[in-house]
Amino acid sequence: MDAGFIEHLASNRYFDPTFGAEAVKVLPGEYFVTTTDMLLVTVLGSCVSACIRDKTKGIGGMNHFMLADSGEAGPNSASARYGTYAMEILINHLIKLGARRDQLEAKIFGGGRVMAALSSSNVGERNSSFVLDFLRTEGIPVMARDLLDVYPRKVYFFPNTGRVLVKKLTRMHNDTLAKREREYAARLNEAPIAGDVELF
């Protein structure tokens, strides 16, 4: 397998007793794709997640990303390259597994205003606008969305069927989500942007 695909592939696998299914937890900066009947799970604050699948083959995947807070705007900014990379690597891996580009559909979530430190930069709004613009440009229809607002969300995606369950987290019992997103934002702002990924 291509090293670029391994780099950010989620590795936190577990058995979800509620749904009686093998599951993978997708953390900030990660993605996962599968050809099997399993569950992909993530918790989003200001980050966004695209759940993309081939509607005829049931091959699907999920990413979890945010734009770097570089102060730049627009589709060609250095910041947008992080989002572009996160979307392209997911789409490319789906195609590598046999998905057809003209059969892809998406459901998108996140972009909440949940972290006071990030609210001044409108990071949730920027992430939401970016993912909608990207999918429109690529001609991938958005079948469902739950973006913005002030709540974190827990997203359960079943790529095989396309089913998605979203739970708005009105009360957080700890600061794990905020800590993960702060650390991820810091990594984005320090790290060089990953190499370009060419779409098939």
Protein backbone atom coordinates (compact mmCIF):
# COMPACT_ATOMS: atom_id res chain seq x y z
CA MET A 1 0.00 0.00 0.00
CA ASP A 2 1.14 3.54 -0.79
CA ALA A 3 2.90 5.15 2.19
CA GLY A 4 0.81 8.29 1.78
CA PHE A 5 -2.31 6.26 2.46
CA ILE A 6 -0.86 4.68 5.60
CA GLU A 7 0.27 7.98 7.08
CA HIS A 8 -3.11 9.17 8.37
CA LEU A 9 -5.11 5.95 8.34
CA ALA A 10 -7.05 5.61 11.60
CA SER A 11 -5.87 2.64 13.64
CA ASN A 12 -8.16 2.74 16.69
CA ARG A 13 -10.30 -0.37 16.06
CA TYR A 14 -12.80 -1.79 18.52
CA PHE A 15 -16.05 -3.72 18.73
CA ASP A 16 -19.10 -1.50 19.25
CA PRO A 17 -21.56 -3.44 21.45
CA THR A 18 -24.44 -1.00 20.82
CA PHE A 19 -24.49 -1.75 17.09
CA GLY A 20 -22.88 -5.20 17.29
CA ALA A 21 -20.28 -4.15 14.72
CA GLU A 22 -16.56 -3.81 14.21
CA ALA A 23 -15.76 -0.11 14.43
CA VAL A 24 -12.95 2.39 13.86
CA LYS A 25 -12.61 5.68 15.71
CA VAL A 26 -11.37 8.45 13.37
CA LEU A 27 -9.39 11.12 15.24
CA PRO A 28 -8.44 14.65 14.06
CA GLY A 29 -6.17 14.48 11.01
CA GLU A 30 -7.10 10.86 10.26
CA TYR A 31 -9.30 9.07 7.76
CA PHE A 32 -10.43 5.50 7.17
CA VAL A 33 -11.86 3.59 4.20
CA THR A 34 -13.45 0.16 4.07
CA THR A 35 -15.01 -2.35 1.70
CA THR A 36 -16.60 -4.31 4.57
CA ASP A 37 -19.74 -3.85 6.64
CA MET A 38 -18.39 -1.93 9.61
CA LEU A 39 -18.91 1.30 11.54
CA LEU A 40 -16.82 4.50 11.38
CA VAL A 41 -17.10 6.84 14.37
CA THR A 42 -15.81 10.32 15.14
CA VAL A 43 -16.49 13.21 17.52
CA LEU A 44 -16.40 16.67 15.96
CA GLY A 45 -16.11 20.13 17.41
CA SER A 46 -14.95 22.82 14.99
CA CYS A 47 -13.47 20.16 12.69
CA VAL A 48 -15.48 18.72 9.82
CA SER A 49 -15.93 15.19 8.60
CA ALA A 50 -16.89 14.02 5.13
CA CYS A 51 -18.50 10.59 4.89
CA ILE A 52 -18.11 9.54 1.25
CA ARG A 53 -19.23 6.29 -0.38
CA ASP A 54 -19.82 4.61 -3.69
CA LYS A 55 -23.60 4.23 -3.59
CA THR A 56 -23.59 1.09 -5.76
CA LYS A 57 -20.66 -0.82 -4.25
CA GLY A 58 -20.93 0.20 -0.58
CA ILE A 59 -17.24 1.14 -0.42
CA GLY A 60 -16.91 4.14 1.84
CA GLY A 61 -14.80 6.19 4.17
CA MET A 62 -14.64 9.09 6.58
CA ASN A 63 -12.13 11.84 7.27
CA HIS A 64 -11.77 14.33 10.14
CA PHE A 65 -9.97 17.60 9.47
CA MET A 66 -9.76 21.35 9.88
CA LEU A 67 -8.10 24.09 7.90
CA ALA A 68 -4.90 25.50 9.35
CA ASP A 69 -5.42 28.88 11.02
CA SER A 70 -3.06 30.76 8.74
CA GLY A 71 -5.27 33.82 8.42
CA GLU A 72 -5.46 33.16 4.69
CA ALA A 73 -8.72 32.65 2.90
CA GLY A 74 -9.73 31.28 -0.46
CA PRO A 75 -9.44 27.94 -2.25
CA ASN A 76 -5.77 28.45 -3.20
CA SER A 77 -4.49 29.49 0.24
CA ALA A 78 -1.93 27.40 2.09
CA SER A 79 -4.60 26.73 4.72
CA ALA A 80 -7.04 25.28 2.19
CA ARG A 81 -4.36 22.84 1.02
CA TYR A 82 -4.79 20.94 4.32
CA GLY A 83 -8.47 20.47 3.61
CA THR A 84 -7.81 19.63 -0.04
CA TYR A 85 -5.26 17.00 1.00
CA ALA A 86 -7.71 15.49 3.53
CA MET A 87 -10.43 15.25 0.89
CA GLU A 88 -8.24 14.04 -1.97
CA ILE A 89 -6.52 11.30 0.01
CA LEU A 90 -9.92 9.95 1.09
CA ILE A 91 -11.34 10.02 -2.45
CA ASN A 92 -8.18 8.53 -3.98
CA HIS A 93 -8.15 5.65 -1.51
CA LEU A 94 -11.82 4.90 -2.21
CA ILE A 95 -11.08 4.77 -5.94
CA LYS A 96 -8.04 2.58 -5.29
CA LEU A 97 -10.36 0.12 -3.51
CA GLY A 98 -12.70 0.01 -6.52
CA ALA A 99 -15.15 2.88 -5.98
CA ARG A 100 -16.27 4.70 -9.12
CA ARG A 101 -15.90 8.45 -9.08
CA ASP A 102 -19.26 9.02 -10.80
CA GLN A 103 -21.02 6.97 -8.11
CA LEU A 104 -19.65 8.87 -5.09
CA GLU A 105 -21.96 10.69 -2.70
CA ALA A 106 -21.21 12.56 0.51
CA LYS A 107 -22.68 13.41 3.90
CA ILE A 108 -20.90 16.14 5.86
CA PHE A 109 -20.85 17.14 9.51
CA GLY A 110 -19.20 19.41 12.05
CA GLY A 111 -17.93 22.96 12.01
CA GLY A 112 -19.43 23.82 15.39
CA ARG A 113 -18.43 26.91 17.34
CA VAL A 114 -17.34 24.95 20.38
CA MET A 115 -13.89 26.28 21.29
CA ALA A 116 -13.63 29.85 22.54
CA ALA A 117 -9.98 30.03 21.45
CA LEU A 118 -10.91 29.23 17.83
CA SER A 119 -14.21 31.11 17.58
CA SER A 120 -12.55 34.43 16.75
CA SER A 121 -11.07 32.94 13.56
CA ASN A 122 -14.45 31.44 12.54
CA VAL A 123 -12.69 28.11 12.00
CA GLY A 124 -15.94 26.12 12.05
CA GLU A 125 -17.48 28.35 9.36
CA ARG A 126 -14.30 28.20 7.26
CA ASN A 127 -14.20 24.40 7.51
CA SER A 128 -17.88 24.10 6.57
CA SER A 129 -17.60 26.46 3.60
CA PHE A 130 -14.48 24.68 2.40
CA VAL A 131 -15.99 21.18 2.38
CA LEU A 132 -19.17 22.36 0.61
CA ASP A 133 -17.13 24.23 -2.03
CA PHE A 134 -14.76 21.29 -2.54
CA LEU A 135 -17.57 18.79 -3.10
CA ARG A 136 -19.42 21.18 -5.43
CA THR A 137 -16.26 21.69 -7.49
CA GLU A 138 -15.61 17.94 -7.67
CA GLY A 139 -19.21 17.17 -8.64
CA ILE A 140 -19.85 14.92 -5.63
CA PRO A 141 -23.45 15.37 -4.43
CA VAL A 142 -24.08 16.14 -0.75
CA MET A 143 -26.93 13.89 0.39
CA ALA A 144 -27.07 15.15 3.98
CA ARG A 145 -25.40 17.73 6.18
CA ASP A 146 -25.34 18.90 9.77
CA LEU A 147 -22.96 21.87 9.99
CA LEU A 148 -22.26 24.85 12.26
CA ASP A 149 -24.27 25.50 15.46
CA VAL A 150 -22.62 25.46 18.90
CA TYR A 151 -22.59 21.74 19.76
CA PRO A 152 -20.00 19.04 19.33
CA ARG A 153 -21.32 16.01 17.45
CA LYS A 154 -20.72 12.28 17.59
CA VAL A 155 -21.07 10.78 14.10
CA TYR A 156 -21.68 7.10 13.32
CA PHE A 157 -21.25 6.20 9.64
CA PHE A 158 -22.13 2.83 8.10
CA PRO A 159 -20.38 3.00 4.67
CA ASN A 160 -21.97 -0.21 3.43
CA THR A 161 -25.50 1.27 3.55
CA GLY A 162 -24.76 4.99 3.74
CA ARG A 163 -26.64 5.30 7.02
CA VAL A 164 -25.40 8.04 9.37
CA LEU A 165 -26.46 8.73 12.95
CA VAL A 166 -25.55 12.07 14.54
CA LYS A 167 -25.76 12.77 18.24
CA LYS A 168 -25.42 16.40 19.38
CA LEU A 169 -23.43 16.49 22.60
CA THR A 170 -25.12 19.13 24.71
CA ARG A 171 -23.04 18.24 27.76
CA MET A 172 -19.39 17.23 27.61
CA HIS A 173 -18.16 15.32 30.65
CA ASN A 174 -14.51 16.06 30.02
CA ASP A 175 -12.27 18.23 27.86
CA THR A 176 -10.88 15.44 25.64
CA LEU A 177 -12.46 16.84 22.46
CA ALA A 178 -11.21 20.39 23.07
CA LYS A 179 -7.74 19.10 23.92
CA ARG A 180 -7.57 16.93 20.77
CA GLU A 181 -8.66 19.82 18.54
CA ARG A 182 -6.21 22.28 20.16
CA GLU A 183 -3.33 19.81 19.69
CA TYR A 184 -4.39 19.13 16.09
CA ALA A 185 -4.63 22.88 15.33
CA ALA A 186 -1.14 23.37 16.78
CA ARG A 187 0.25 20.52 14.63
CA LEU A 188 -1.32 22.03 11.50
CA ASN A 189 0.16 25.44 12.16
CA GLU A 190 3.64 24.03 12.80
CA ALA A 191 3.91 21.29 10.18
CA PRO A 192 4.72 21.81 6.52
CA ILE A 193 1.81 21.09 4.22
CA ALA A 194 1.77 17.54 2.90
CA GLY A 195 2.63 16.96 -0.73
CA ASP A 196 -0.02 17.36 -3.37
CA VAL A 197 -2.24 14.39 -4.07
CA GLU A 198 -3.43 13.95 -7.64
CA LEU A 199 -7.01 12.90 -8.18
CA PHE A 200 -7.57 9.88 -10.42
